[in-house]
């Protein structure tokens, strides 16, 4: 019998990111922006080896419309990652199994959030940990 041990990036981070805003209205505005940009970008992004080295004109138009100049072309595939986005009062709760979350982190900070990021595996007793 041959036993194979391997390591890869296909594992669950069970990552939680909490963006806290000054008001419920600011949190709702940020959530709407994240959802809108994700929806508009989703089908315009190639992943893996086909990742763009530059933004297409179509993608640049989306960013110009939203006044967003904070991303690099290599980050765009993150908009296609599976994630959830919930709002609780003045907080946005972002959850994903991925580790590359810079586009979402940048969007939260760009919208004025105080951000906390942690693994729900490692902190199960936190408010949004795995045990909750």
Foldseek 3Di string as FASTA:
>chain_A
DDDDDDDDQPFFQFKKKKWFDPFQVLQVVLVVVLVVLLVQLQVVADDDPPQDQQDDPSNVVVCVVVVHDDDGSNLSCVSNFDWDWDDDTRMIMITHRHDRDVVSVVSSVVSPTDMDMDRLVVVVPPPPHPVD
